[in-house]
PDB file of N, CA and C in Angstrom:
ATOM      1  N   MET A   1     -58.428 -17.398 -72.319  1.00  0.00           N
ATOM      2  CA  MET A   1     -58.267 -18.495 -71.383  1.00  0.00           C
ATOM      3  C   MET A   1     -56.927 -18.397 -70.661  1.00  0.00           C
ATOM      4  N   LYS A   2     -55.858 -18.067 -71.419  1.00  0.00           N
ATOM      5  CA  LYS A   2     -54.538 -17.946 -70.804  1.00  0.00           C
ATOM      6  C   LYS A   2     -54.531 -16.803 -69.793  1.00  0.00           C
ATOM      7  N   GLN A   3     -55.239 -15.733 -70.121  1.00  0.00           N
ATOM      8  CA  GLN A   3     -55.299 -14.594 -69.198  1.00  0.00           C
ATOM      9  C   GLN A   3     -56.020 -14.978 -67.906  1.00  0.00           C
ATOM     10  N   LEU A   4     -57.075 -15.761 -68.020  1.00  0.00           N
ATOM     11  CA  LEU A   4     -57.821 -16.195 -66.853  1.00  0.00           C
ATOM     12  C   LEU A   4     -56.940 -17.052 -65.949  1.00  0.00           C
ATOM     13  N   ILE A   5     -56.187 -17.953 -66.526  1.00  0.00           N
ATOM     14  CA  ILE A   5     -55.290 -18.811 -65.753  1.00  0.00           C
ATOM     15  C   ILE A   5     -54.205 -17.966 -65.084  1.00  0.00           C
ATOM     16  N   SER A   6     -53.695 -16.994 -65.826  1.00  0.00           N
ATOM     17  CA  SER A   6     -52.672 -16.110 -65.258  1.00  0.00           C
ATOM     18  C   SER A   6     -53.223 -15.311 -64.081  1.00  0.00           C
ATOM     19  N   LEU A   7     -54.430 -14.801 -64.220  1.00  0.00           N
ATOM     20  CA  LEU A   7     -55.045 -14.035 -63.137  1.00  0.00           C
ATOM     21  C   LEU A   7     -55.308 -14.901 -61.907  1.00  0.00           C
ATOM     22  N   VAL A   8     -55.766 -16.116 -62.125  1.00  0.00           N
ATOM     23  CA  VAL A   8     -56.009 -17.032 -61.001  1.00  0.00           C
ATOM     24  C   VAL A   8     -54.692 -17.355 -60.301  1.00  0.00           C
ATOM     25  N   ALA A   9     -53.644 -17.616 -61.074  1.00  0.00           N
ATOM     26  CA  ALA A   9     -52.334 -17.912 -60.490  1.00  0.00           C
ATOM     27  C   ALA A   9     -51.810 -16.709 -59.707  1.00  0.00           C
ATOM     28  N   LEU A  10     -51.982 -15.532 -60.250  1.00  0.00           N
ATOM     29  CA  LEU A  10     -51.541 -14.317 -59.561  1.00  0.00           C
ATOM     30  C   LEU A  10     -52.317 -14.125 -58.261  1.00  0.00           C
ATOM     31  N   GLY A  11     -53.605 -14.354 -58.311  1.00  0.00           N
ATOM     32  CA  GLY A  11     -54.435 -14.233 -57.102  1.00  0.00           C
ATOM     33  C   GLY A  11     -54.014 -15.206 -56.024  1.00  0.00           C
ATOM     34  N   LEU A  12     -53.732 -16.440 -56.416  1.00  0.00           N
ATOM     35  CA  LEU A  12     -53.265 -17.433 -55.444  1.00  0.00           C
ATOM     36  C   LEU A  12     -51.916 -17.047 -54.857  1.00  0.00           C
ATOM     37  N   ALA A  13     -51.026 -16.551 -55.691  1.00  0.00           N
ATOM     38  CA  ALA A  13     -49.702 -16.141 -55.215  1.00  0.00           C
ATOM     39  C   ALA A  13     -49.825 -15.003 -54.207  1.00  0.00           C
ATOM     40  N   LEU A  14     -50.689 -14.040 -54.486  1.00  0.00           N
ATOM     41  CA  LEU A  14     -50.897 -12.925 -53.564  1.00  0.00           C
ATOM     42  C   LEU A  14     -51.533 -13.390 -52.261  1.00  0.00           C
ATOM     43  N   ALA A  15     -52.474 -14.318 -52.353  1.00  0.00           N
ATOM     44  CA  ALA A  15     -53.132 -14.826 -51.150  1.00  0.00           C
ATOM     45  C   ALA A  15     -52.143 -15.570 -50.264  1.00  0.00           C
ATOM     46  N   VAL A  16     -51.308 -16.401 -50.863  1.00  0.00           N
ATOM     47  CA  VAL A  16     -50.307 -17.154 -50.109  1.00  0.00           C
ATOM     48  C   VAL A  16     -49.268 -16.202 -49.528  1.00  0.00           C
ATOM     49  N   GLY A  17     -48.833 -15.233 -50.300  1.00  0.00           N
ATOM     50  CA  GLY A  17     -47.853 -14.252 -49.826  1.00  0.00           C
ATOM     51  C   GLY A  17     -48.398 -13.423 -48.677  1.00  0.00           C
ATOM     52  N   GLY A  18     -49.632 -13.021 -48.758  1.00  0.00           N
ATOM     53  CA  GLY A  18     -50.259 -12.252 -47.687  1.00  0.00           C
ATOM     54  C   GLY A  18     -50.408 -13.070 -46.415  1.00  0.00           C
ATOM     55  N   ALA A  19     -50.754 -14.339 -46.565  1.00  0.00           N
ATOM     56  CA  ALA A  19     -50.884 -15.211 -45.397  1.00  0.00           C
ATOM     57  C   ALA A  19     -49.524 -15.431 -44.753  1.00  0.00           C
ATOM     58  N   HIS A  20     -48.498 -15.552 -45.564  1.00  0.00           N
ATOM     59  CA  HIS A  20     -47.147 -15.757 -45.033  1.00  0.00           C
ATOM     60  C   HIS A  20     -46.679 -14.522 -44.263  1.00  0.00           C
ATOM     61  N   ALA A  21     -46.958 -13.342 -44.775  1.00  0.00           N
ATOM     62  CA  ALA A  21     -46.542 -12.107 -44.108  1.00  0.00           C
ATOM     63  C   ALA A  21     -47.265 -11.952 -42.776  1.00  0.00           C
ATOM     64  N   ALA A  22     -48.521 -12.343 -42.705  1.00  0.00           N
ATOM     65  CA  ALA A  22     -49.276 -12.235 -41.466  1.00  0.00           C
ATOM     66  C   ALA A  22     -48.808 -13.256 -40.437  1.00  0.00           C
ATOM     67  N   ASP A  23     -48.194 -14.350 -40.913  1.00  0.00           N
ATOM     68  CA  ASP A  23     -47.763 -15.439 -40.046  1.00  0.00           C
ATOM     69  C   ASP A  23     -46.310 -15.261 -39.589  1.00  0.00           C
ATOM     70  N   GLU A  24     -45.730 -14.085 -39.840  1.00  0.00           N
ATOM     71  CA  GLU A  24     -44.334 -13.842 -39.505  1.00  0.00           C
ATOM     72  C   GLU A  24     -44.116 -13.935 -38.003  1.00  0.00           C
ATOM     73  N   LYS A  25     -42.998 -14.554 -37.611  1.00  0.00           N
ATOM     74  CA  LYS A  25     -42.688 -14.729 -36.199  1.00  0.00           C
ATOM     75  C   LYS A  25     -41.601 -13.752 -35.794  1.00  0.00           C
ATOM     76  N   ALA A  26     -41.444 -13.590 -34.490  1.00  0.00           N
ATOM     77  CA  ALA A  26     -40.381 -12.736 -33.970  1.00  0.00           C
ATOM     78  C   ALA A  26     -39.031 -13.368 -34.326  1.00  0.00           C
ATOM     79  N   PRO A  27     -38.009 -12.542 -34.539  1.00  0.00           N
ATOM     80  CA  PRO A  27     -36.696 -13.088 -34.889  1.00  0.00           C
ATOM     81  C   PRO A  27     -36.120 -13.930 -33.760  1.00  0.00           C
ATOM     82  N   THR A  28     -35.384 -14.967 -34.132  1.00  0.00           N
ATOM     83  CA  THR A  28     -34.753 -15.841 -33.144  1.00  0.00           C
ATOM     84  C   THR A  28     -33.516 -15.157 -32.577  1.00  0.00           C
ATOM     85  N   ALA A  29     -32.949 -15.740 -31.545  1.00  0.00           N
ATOM     86  CA  ALA A  29     -31.737 -15.196 -30.932  1.00  0.00           C
ATOM     87  C   ALA A  29     -30.595 -15.161 -31.950  1.00  0.00           C
ATOM     88  N   GLN A  30     -30.494 -16.210 -32.772  1.00  0.00           N
ATOM     89  CA  GLN A  30     -29.442 -16.269 -33.786  1.00  0.00           C
ATOM     90  C   GLN A  30     -29.642 -15.184 -34.842  1.00  0.00           C
ATOM     91  N   GLN A  31     -30.885 -14.915 -35.225  1.00  0.00           N
ATOM     92  CA  GLN A  31     -31.160 -13.858 -36.192  1.00  0.00           C
ATOM     93  C   GLN A  31     -30.814 -12.491 -35.604  1.00  0.00           C
ATOM     94  N   ASN A  32     -31.122 -12.294 -34.326  1.00  0.00           N
ATOM     95  CA  ASN A  32     -30.759 -11.039 -33.664  1.00  0.00           C
ATOM     96  C   ASN A  32     -29.247 -10.886 -33.595  1.00  0.00           C
ATOM     97  N   LYS A  33     -28.560 -12.004 -33.316  1.00  0.00           N
ATOM     98  CA  LYS A  33     -27.095 -11.975 -33.250  1.00  0.00           C
ATOM     99  C   LYS A  33     -26.519 -11.622 -34.617  1.00  0.00           C
ATOM    100  N   MET A  34     -27.078 -12.193 -35.675  1.00  0.00           N
ATOM    101  CA  MET A  34     -26.631 -11.913 -37.035  1.00  0.00           C
ATOM    102  C   MET A  34     -26.828 -10.435 -37.363  1.00  0.00           C
ATOM    103  N   LYS A  35     -27.967  -9.884 -36.967  1.00  0.00           N
ATOM    104  CA  LYS A  35     -28.252  -8.480 -37.230  1.00  0.00           C
ATOM    105  C   LYS A  35     -27.257  -7.582 -36.494  1.00  0.00           C
ATOM    106  N   THR A  36     -26.976  -7.927 -35.245  1.00  0.00           N
ATOM    107  CA  THR A  36     -26.028  -7.141 -34.456  1.00  0.00           C
ATOM    108  C   THR A  36     -24.623  -7.232 -35.036  1.00  0.00           C
ATOM    109  N   CYS A  37     -24.200  -8.437 -35.406  1.00  0.00           N
ATOM    110  CA  CYS A  37     -22.861  -8.613 -35.990  1.00  0.00           C
ATOM    111  C   CYS A  37     -22.740  -7.847 -37.308  1.00  0.00           C
ATOM    112  N   ASN A  38     -23.782  -7.892 -38.136  1.00  0.00           N
ATOM    113  CA  ASN A  38     -23.780  -7.147 -39.397  1.00  0.00           C
ATOM    114  C   ASN A  38     -23.683  -5.647 -39.143  1.00  0.00           C
ATOM    115  N   ALA A  39     -24.439  -5.168 -38.160  1.00  0.00           N
ATOM    116  CA  ALA A  39     -24.403  -3.740 -37.837  1.00  0.00           C
ATOM    117  C   ALA A  39     -23.012  -3.341 -37.353  1.00  0.00           C
ATOM    118  N   ASP A  40     -22.390  -4.190 -36.523  1.00  0.00           N
ATOM    119  CA  ASP A  40     -21.037  -3.904 -36.045  1.00  0.00           C
ATOM    120  C   ASP A  40     -20.042  -3.862 -37.201  1.00  0.00           C
ATOM    121  N   ALA A  41     -20.175  -4.810 -38.127  1.00  0.00           N
ATOM    122  CA  ALA A  41     -19.271  -4.851 -39.280  1.00  0.00           C
ATOM    123  C   ALA A  41     -19.449  -3.610 -40.156  1.00  0.00           C
ATOM    124  N   LYS A  42     -20.705  -3.163 -40.323  1.00  0.00           N
ATOM    125  CA  LYS A  42     -20.960  -1.950 -41.112  1.00  0.00           C
ATOM    126  C   LYS A  42     -20.379  -0.732 -40.420  1.00  0.00           C
ATOM    127  N   THR A  43     -20.594  -0.644 -39.113  1.00  0.00           N
ATOM    128  CA  THR A  43     -20.093   0.494 -38.351  1.00  0.00           C
ATOM    129  C   THR A  43     -18.578   0.585 -38.432  1.00  0.00           C
ATOM    130  N   LYS A  44     -17.925  -0.583 -38.363  1.00  0.00           N
ATOM    131  CA  LYS A  44     -16.458  -0.626 -38.414  1.00  0.00           C
ATOM    132  C   LYS A  44     -15.940  -0.575 -39.847  1.00  0.00           C
ATOM    133  N   ASP A  45     -16.849  -0.586 -40.824  1.00  0.00           N
ATOM    134  CA  ASP A  45     -16.496  -0.525 -42.250  1.00  0.00           C
ATOM    135  C   ASP A  45     -15.520  -1.633 -42.641  1.00  0.00           C
ATOM    136  N   ILE A  46     -15.844  -2.863 -42.212  1.00  0.00           N
ATOM    137  CA  ILE A  46     -15.013  -4.028 -42.506  1.00  0.00           C
ATOM    138  C   ILE A  46     -15.492  -4.656 -43.812  1.00  0.00           C
ATOM    139  N   LYS A  47     -14.551  -5.022 -44.679  1.00  0.00           N
ATOM    140  CA  LYS A  47     -14.907  -5.603 -45.981  1.00  0.00           C
ATOM    141  C   LYS A  47     -14.045  -6.830 -46.281  1.00  0.00           C
ATOM    142  N   GLY A  48     -14.512  -7.628 -47.243  1.00  0.00           N
ATOM    143  CA  GLY A  48     -13.746  -8.751 -47.766  1.00  0.00           C
ATOM    144  C   GLY A  48     -13.481  -9.851 -46.758  1.00  0.00           C
ATOM    145  N   ASP A  49     -12.260 -10.399 -46.826  1.00  0.00           N
ATOM    146  CA  ASP A  49     -11.881 -11.514 -45.958  1.00  0.00           C
ATOM    147  C   ASP A  49     -11.895 -11.110 -44.488  1.00  0.00           C
ATOM    148  N   GLU A  50     -11.544  -9.870 -44.213  1.00  0.00           N
ATOM    149  CA  GLU A  50     -11.548  -9.392 -42.827  1.00  0.00           C
ATOM    150  C   GLU A  50     -12.981  -9.418 -42.274  1.00  0.00           C
ATOM    151  N   ARG A  51     -13.973  -9.080 -43.124  1.00  0.00           N
ATOM    152  CA  ARG A  51     -15.373  -9.115 -42.698  1.00  0.00           C
ATOM    153  C   ARG A  51     -15.811 -10.553 -42.439  1.00  0.00           C
ATOM    154  N   LYS A  52     -15.406 -11.470 -43.323  1.00  0.00           N
ATOM    155  CA  LYS A  52     -15.761 -12.880 -43.132  1.00  0.00           C
ATOM    156  C   LYS A  52     -15.227 -13.388 -41.795  1.00  0.00           C
ATOM    157  N   LYS A  53     -13.986 -13.047 -41.491  1.00  0.00           N
ATOM    158  CA  LYS A  53     -13.376 -13.480 -40.240  1.00  0.00           C
ATOM    159  C   LYS A  53     -14.118 -12.855 -39.058  1.00  0.00           C
ATOM    160  N   PHE A  54     -14.384 -11.555 -39.145  1.00  0.00           N
ATOM    161  CA  PHE A  54     -15.097 -10.866 -38.074  1.00  0.00           C
ATOM    162  C   PHE A  54     -16.468 -11.495 -37.835  1.00  0.00           C
ATOM    163  N   MET A  55     -17.220 -11.735 -38.913  1.00  0.00           N
ATOM    164  CA  MET A  55     -18.559 -12.308 -38.793  1.00  0.00           C
ATOM    165  C   MET A  55     -18.506 -13.701 -38.184  1.00  0.00           C
ATOM    166  N   SER A  56     -17.533 -14.494 -38.605  1.00  0.00           N
ATOM    167  CA  SER A  56     -17.384 -15.839 -38.068  1.00  0.00           C
ATOM    168  C   SER A  56     -17.135 -15.801 -36.567  1.00  0.00           C
ATOM    169  N   GLU A  57     -16.216 -14.930 -36.148  1.00  0.00           N
ATOM    170  CA  GLU A  57     -15.910 -14.812 -34.722  1.00  0.00           C
ATOM    171  C   GLU A  57     -17.101 -14.261 -33.946  1.00  0.00           C
ATOM    172  N   CYS A  58     -17.744 -13.267 -34.509  1.00  0.00           N
ATOM    173  CA  CYS A  58     -18.885 -12.639 -33.843  1.00  0.00           C
ATOM    174  C   CYS A  58     -20.034 -13.636 -33.664  1.00  0.00           C
ATOM    175  N   LEU A  59     -20.344 -14.383 -34.710  1.00  0.00           N
ATOM    176  CA  LEU A  59     -21.465 -15.317 -34.653  1.00  0.00           C
ATOM    177  C   LEU A  59     -21.168 -16.548 -33.808  1.00  0.00           C
ATOM    178  N   SER A  60     -19.889 -16.926 -33.700  1.00  0.00           N
ATOM    179  CA  SER A  60     -19.555 -18.116 -32.921  1.00  0.00           C
ATOM    180  C   SER A  60     -19.254 -17.789 -31.466  1.00  0.00           C
ATOM    181  N   ALA A  61     -19.251 -16.512 -31.108  1.00  0.00           N
ATOM    182  CA  ALA A  61     -18.986 -16.114 -29.726  1.00  0.00           C
ATOM    183  C   ALA A  61     -20.065 -16.685 -28.813  1.00  0.00           C
ATOM    184  N   LYS A  62     -19.662 -17.088 -27.652  1.00  0.00           N
ATOM    185  CA  LYS A  62     -20.605 -17.630 -26.672  1.00  0.00           C
ATOM    186  C   LYS A  62     -21.523 -16.512 -26.189  1.00  0.00           C
ATOM    187  N   PRO A  63     -22.763 -16.822 -25.844  1.00  0.00           N
ATOM    188  CA  PRO A  63     -23.705 -15.790 -25.421  1.00  0.00           C
ATOM    189  C   PRO A  63     -23.193 -14.942 -24.258  1.00  0.00           C
ATOM    190  N   ALA A  64     -22.563 -15.547 -23.262  1.00  0.00           N
ATOM    191  CA  ALA A  64     -22.075 -14.786 -22.115  1.00  0.00           C
ATOM    192  C   ALA A  64     -20.980 -13.811 -22.553  1.00  0.00           C
ATOM    193  N   ALA A  65     -20.071 -14.280 -23.391  1.00  0.00           N
ATOM    194  CA  ALA A  65     -19.001 -13.422 -23.876  1.00  0.00           C
ATOM    195  C   ALA A  65     -19.563 -12.321 -24.765  1.00  0.00           C
ATOM    196  N   ALA A  66     -20.522 -12.658 -25.587  1.00  0.00           N
ATOM    197  CA  ALA A  66     -21.133 -11.671 -26.468  1.00  0.00           C
ATOM    198  C   ALA A  66     -21.861 -10.617 -25.636  1.00  0.00           C
ATOM    199  N   ALA A  67     -22.534 -11.036 -24.584  1.00  0.00           N
ATOM    200  CA  ALA A  67     -23.246 -10.097 -23.735  1.00  0.00           C
ATOM    201  C   ALA A  67     -22.277  -9.161 -23.027  1.00  0.00           C
ATOM    202  N   ALA A  68     -21.150  -9.691 -22.585  1.00  0.00           N
ATOM    203  CA  ALA A  68     -20.160  -8.858 -21.909  1.00  0.00           C
ATOM    204  C   ALA A  68     -19.547  -7.848 -22.873  1.00  0.00           C
ATOM    205  N   ASP A  69     -19.268  -8.282 -24.096  1.00  0.00           N
ATOM    206  CA  ASP A  69     -18.672  -7.393 -25.092  1.00  0.00           C
ATOM    207  C   ASP A  69     -19.682  -6.396 -25.652  1.00  0.00           C
ATOM    208  N   ALA A  70     -20.880  -6.852 -25.882  1.00  0.00           N
ATOM    209  CA  ALA A  70     -21.858  -6.038 -26.576  1.00  0.00           C
ATOM    210  C   ALA A  70     -22.598  -5.075 -25.656  1.00  0.00           C
ATOM    211  N   GLY A  71     -22.679  -5.362 -24.389  1.00  0.00           N
ATOM    212  CA  GLY A  71     -23.409  -4.496 -23.472  1.00  0.00           C
ATOM    213  C   GLY A  71     -24.871  -4.870 -23.423  1.00  0.00           C
ATOM    214  N   THR A  72     -25.713  -3.925 -23.090  1.00  0.00           N
ATOM    215  CA  THR A  72     -27.138  -4.195 -22.945  1.00  0.00           C
ATOM    216  C   THR A  72     -27.823  -4.312 -24.292  1.00  0.00           C
ATOM    217  N   SER A  73     -29.027  -4.842 -24.273  1.00  0.00           N
ATOM    218  CA  SER A  73     -29.777  -4.973 -25.522  1.00  0.00           C
ATOM    219  C   SER A  73     -30.119  -3.602 -26.096  1.00  0.00           C
ATOM    220  N   GLN A  74     -30.314  -2.603 -25.228  1.00  0.00           N
ATOM    221  CA  GLN A  74     -30.588  -1.252 -25.719  1.00  0.00           C
ATOM    222  C   GLN A  74     -29.380  -0.704 -26.479  1.00  0.00           C
ATOM    223  N   GLN A  75     -28.185  -1.000 -25.985  1.00  0.00           N
ATOM    224  CA  GLN A  75     -26.971  -0.571 -26.682  1.00  0.00           C
ATOM    225  C   GLN A  75     -26.853  -1.280 -28.022  1.00  0.00           C
ATOM    226  N   ASN A  76     -27.196  -2.555 -28.039  1.00  0.00           N
ATOM    227  CA  ASN A  76     -27.179  -3.309 -29.304  1.00  0.00           C
ATOM    228  C   ASN A  76     -28.168  -2.707 -30.294  1.00  0.00           C
ATOM    229  N   LYS A  77     -29.348  -2.367 -29.788  1.00  0.00           N
ATOM    230  CA  LYS A  77     -30.370  -1.773 -30.645  1.00  0.00           C
ATOM    231  C   LYS A  77     -29.866  -0.435 -31.197  1.00  0.00           C
ATOM    232  N   MET A  78     -29.193   0.347 -30.338  1.00  0.00           N
ATOM    233  CA  MET A  78     -28.659   1.639 -30.751  1.00  0.00           C
ATOM    234  C   MET A  78     -27.622   1.455 -31.856  1.00  0.00           C
ATOM    235  N   LYS A  79     -26.740   0.464 -31.706  1.00  0.00           N
ATOM    236  CA  LYS A  79     -25.728   0.196 -32.734  1.00  0.00           C
ATOM    237  C   LYS A  79     -26.392  -0.167 -34.050  1.00  0.00           C
ATOM    238  N   THR A  80     -27.371  -1.053 -33.964  1.00  0.00           N
ATOM    239  CA  THR A  80     -28.056  -1.504 -35.175  1.00  0.00           C
ATOM    240  C   THR A  80     -28.784  -0.347 -35.852  1.00  0.00           C
ATOM    241  N   CYS A  81     -29.504   0.449 -35.073  1.00  0.00           N
ATOM    242  CA  CYS A  81     -30.249   1.582 -35.636  1.00  0.00           C
ATOM    243  C   CYS A  81     -29.298   2.614 -36.246  1.00  0.00           C
ATOM    244  N   ASN A  82     -28.175   2.878 -35.563  1.00  0.00           N
ATOM    245  CA  ASN A  82     -27.189   3.810 -36.104  1.00  0.00           C
ATOM    246  C   ASN A  82     -26.632   3.320 -37.435  1.00  0.00           C
ATOM    247  N   ALA A  83     -26.311   2.019 -37.491  1.00  0.00           N
ATOM    248  CA  ALA A  83     -25.768   1.456 -38.731  1.00  0.00           C
ATOM    249  C   ALA A  83     -26.796   1.539 -39.856  1.00  0.00           C
ATOM    250  N   ASP A  84     -28.061   1.248 -39.537  1.00  0.00           N
ATOM    251  CA  ASP A  84     -29.119   1.322 -40.548  1.00  0.00           C
ATOM    252  C   ASP A  84     -29.310   2.761 -41.036  1.00  0.00           C
ATOM    253  N   ALA A  85     -29.283   3.721 -40.105  1.00  0.00           N
ATOM    254  CA  ALA A  85     -29.436   5.128 -40.482  1.00  0.00           C
ATOM    255  C   ALA A  85     -28.269   5.572 -41.358  1.00  0.00           C
ATOM    256  N   LYS A  86     -27.072   5.103 -41.029  1.00  0.00           N
ATOM    257  CA  LYS A  86     -25.887   5.456 -41.828  1.00  0.00           C
ATOM    258  C   LYS A  86     -25.995   4.855 -43.228  1.00  0.00           C
ATOM    259  N   THR A  87     -26.440   3.597 -43.296  1.00  0.00           N
ATOM    260  CA  THR A  87     -26.605   2.927 -44.588  1.00  0.00           C
ATOM    261  C   THR A  87     -27.615   3.656 -45.460  1.00  0.00           C
ATOM    262  N   LYS A  88     -28.696   4.150 -44.829  1.00  0.00           N
ATOM    263  CA  LYS A  88     -29.741   4.869 -45.566  1.00  0.00           C
ATOM    264  C   LYS A  88     -29.380   6.332 -45.788  1.00  0.00           C
ATOM    265  N   ASP A  89     -28.222   6.758 -45.259  1.00  0.00           N
ATOM    266  CA  ASP A  89     -27.716   8.120 -45.416  1.00  0.00           C
ATOM    267  C   ASP A  89     -28.743   9.159 -44.962  1.00  0.00           C
ATOM    268  N   LEU A  90     -29.326   8.920 -43.773  1.00  0.00           N
ATOM    269  CA  LEU A  90     -30.326   9.829 -43.230  1.00  0.00           C
ATOM    270  C   LEU A  90     -29.658  10.965 -42.468  1.00  0.00           C
ATOM    271  N   LYS A  91     -30.235  12.139 -42.563  1.00  0.00           N
ATOM    272  CA  LYS A  91     -29.695  13.318 -41.895  1.00  0.00           C
ATOM    273  C   LYS A  91     -30.834  14.114 -41.269  1.00  0.00           C
ATOM    274  N   GLY A  92     -30.515  14.929 -40.258  1.00  0.00           N
ATOM    275  CA  GLY A  92     -31.458  15.870 -39.670  1.00  0.00           C
ATOM    276  C   GLY A  92     -32.707  15.235 -39.104  1.00  0.00           C
ATOM    277  N   ASP A  93     -33.848  15.848 -39.423  1.00  0.00           N
ATOM    278  CA  ASP A  93     -35.125  15.391 -38.880  1.00  0.00           C
ATOM    279  C   ASP A  93     -35.476  13.978 -39.327  1.00  0.00           C
ATOM    280  N   ASP A  94     -35.112  13.623 -40.565  1.00  0.00           N
ATOM    281  CA  ASP A  94     -35.383  12.267 -41.053  1.00  0.00           C
ATOM    282  C   ASP A  94     -34.645  11.237 -40.187  1.00  0.00           C
ATOM    283  N   ARG A  95     -33.394  11.545 -39.833  1.00  0.00           N
ATOM    284  CA  ARG A  95     -32.612  10.634 -38.989  1.00  0.00           C
ATOM    285  C   ARG A  95     -33.219  10.547 -37.587  1.00  0.00           C
ATOM    286  N   LYS A  96     -33.613  11.680 -37.024  1.00  0.00           N
ATOM    287  CA  LYS A  96     -34.220  11.684 -35.688  1.00  0.00           C
ATOM    288  C   LYS A  96     -35.488  10.833 -35.668  1.00  0.00           C
ATOM    289  N   LYS A  97     -36.325  11.012 -36.682  1.00  0.00           N
ATOM    290  CA  LYS A  97     -37.569  10.249 -36.759  1.00  0.00           C
ATOM    291  C   LYS A  97     -37.267   8.757 -36.905  1.00  0.00           C
ATOM    292  N   PHE A  98     -36.337   8.409 -37.797  1.00  0.00           N
ATOM    293  CA  PHE A  98     -35.968   7.020 -38.010  1.00  0.00           C
ATOM    294  C   PHE A  98     -35.439   6.400 -36.713  1.00  0.00           C
ATOM    295  N   MET A  99     -34.512   7.117 -36.045  1.00  0.00           N
ATOM    296  CA  MET A  99     -33.913   6.591 -34.821  1.00  0.00           C
ATOM    297  C   MET A  99     -34.968   6.404 -33.737  1.00  0.00           C
ATOM    298  N   SER A 100     -35.890   7.330 -33.620  1.00  0.00           N
ATOM    299  CA  SER A 100     -36.952   7.212 -32.624  1.00  0.00           C
ATOM    300  C   SER A 100     -37.793   5.967 -32.883  1.00  0.00           C
ATOM    301  N   GLU A 101     -38.190   5.775 -34.135  1.00  0.00           N
ATOM    302  CA  GLU A 101     -39.013   4.614 -34.493  1.00  0.00           C
ATOM    303  C   GLU A 101     -38.229   3.319 -34.329  1.00  0.00           C
ATOM    304  N   CYS A 102     -36.971   3.347 -34.741  1.00  0.00           N
ATOM    305  CA  CYS A 102     -36.131   2.139 -34.669  1.00  0.00           C
ATOM    306  C   CYS A 102     -35.901   1.730 -33.213  1.00  0.00           C
ATOM    307  N   LEU A 103     -35.584   2.688 -32.371  1.00  0.00           N
ATOM    308  CA  LEU A 103     -35.287   2.366 -30.969  1.00  0.00           C
ATOM    309  C   LEU A 103     -36.521   1.969 -30.175  1.00  0.00           C
ATOM    310  N   SER A 104     -37.685   2.452 -30.581  1.00  0.00           N
ATOM    311  CA  SER A 104     -38.903   2.095 -29.855  1.00  0.00           C
ATOM    312  C   SER A 104     -39.530   0.796 -30.364  1.00  0.00           C
ATOM    313  N   ALA A 105     -39.053   0.308 -31.505  1.00  0.00           N
ATOM    314  CA  ALA A 105     -39.581  -0.951 -32.056  1.00  0.00           C
ATOM    315  C   ALA A 105     -39.155  -2.109 -31.177  1.00  0.00           C
ATOM    316  N   LYS A 106     -40.001  -3.100 -31.091  1.00  0.00           N
ATOM    317  CA  LYS A 106     -39.686  -4.275 -30.250  1.00  0.00           C
ATOM    318  C   LYS A 106     -38.965  -5.326 -31.017  1.00  0.00           C
TER     319      LYS A 106
END
């Protein structure tokens, strides 16, 4: 009986989790900004209190100022993809494939 209840609970959890994954929305502007700021901090290898300060300034920057500093969205995507590839320690063909997929993703 306990096994049956466990299986039913597991099935419900998987069903709810699958429905949630299918219902995923596109990231908001703030989420994109957070991703870009994180990628910049990784690229610059900033840690500790200096990273906290950098992130605070980066996230609180006005959109116009951020756009002027950051450049085009393609450049932002390139920074983010480069930081992700560096974090994953990708090299050679694996890096080329990753960068191609990352840059072409919407």
